[in-house]
Amino acid sequence: MPSTPASDLEFVVRTIAQTSVDNERAFSDLDAVVGDGDFGYSLARGFEIVLADWDSFDRSSPSAFLKKVALVISKRVGGTSGPLWGTAFLRAAGAVSDRAELNAEDAVAMLRAAAEGIKTRGRSDLGDKTLLDALIPMTDALEKEAHTGAGDPANRSAGLARVAASAARTAADATTPMRAMRGRPSYTGERSIGSPDAGAVAVAVMAERVADAWAARS
């Protein structure tokens, strides 16, 4: 697969950060249905610092860059989100520790590592009605599409981003009839059924924003 400049990683992370800030209220409102209602607030505060400190981050390698992002999120995102999202970025950094340039296989490896980190840190898994229920299906879809090698090479990255976004949205919507098994929503029992998981929706919204931004960029 063709290599992708490390600057593309920065583009994705910056888009994710801005999406978190822009959707603070929406993510918090969704979390408030069966949770504490602070999910959007916590993410936004952490990613605001990421954006504010953007120019100071180490860019000597993709891994070094992701480690700096992970450090900010771990320190500045409150509640349970900080450890989970910080771990995700840290594990993603470890997956590409020896890489100077990234390709689609590296993107899959980073997402897989992030998911495994969240599983371990949150003691959760696919089916527990968490962000993993969007992250893992999205990664599966991305890996499958990447291996086909189909599409216009010039627009390959944009096409992969769109496939990932579509899979994330479908998976996030599918959490609606599920019962939460982890976190604050799990305390509400049957009442957690009937609304999508806030973390899964956040993953979908981020993926959709990345896909839209990449298409416009292309």
Foldseek 3Di string as FASTA:
>chain_A
DDWAALVLVVVLLLLLLVLLQVCLQVLLVQCVLQHDSCQSVLSNQLSVVCVVCVVVQDVPASLSRLLVSLVSQLPRRDDPRSQLVSQLSNQLSVQQVPPRTHDLVSVLSSLVSSLVSNCVSFVDDAQQQALNQLSVQLSVQLVVLVVVPDDDPVCVVLVSLVSSLVSLVVSQVVQQQGQHRGDRSNVVGNSSHHGGRSSSVSVNSSSVSSSVVSVVVD
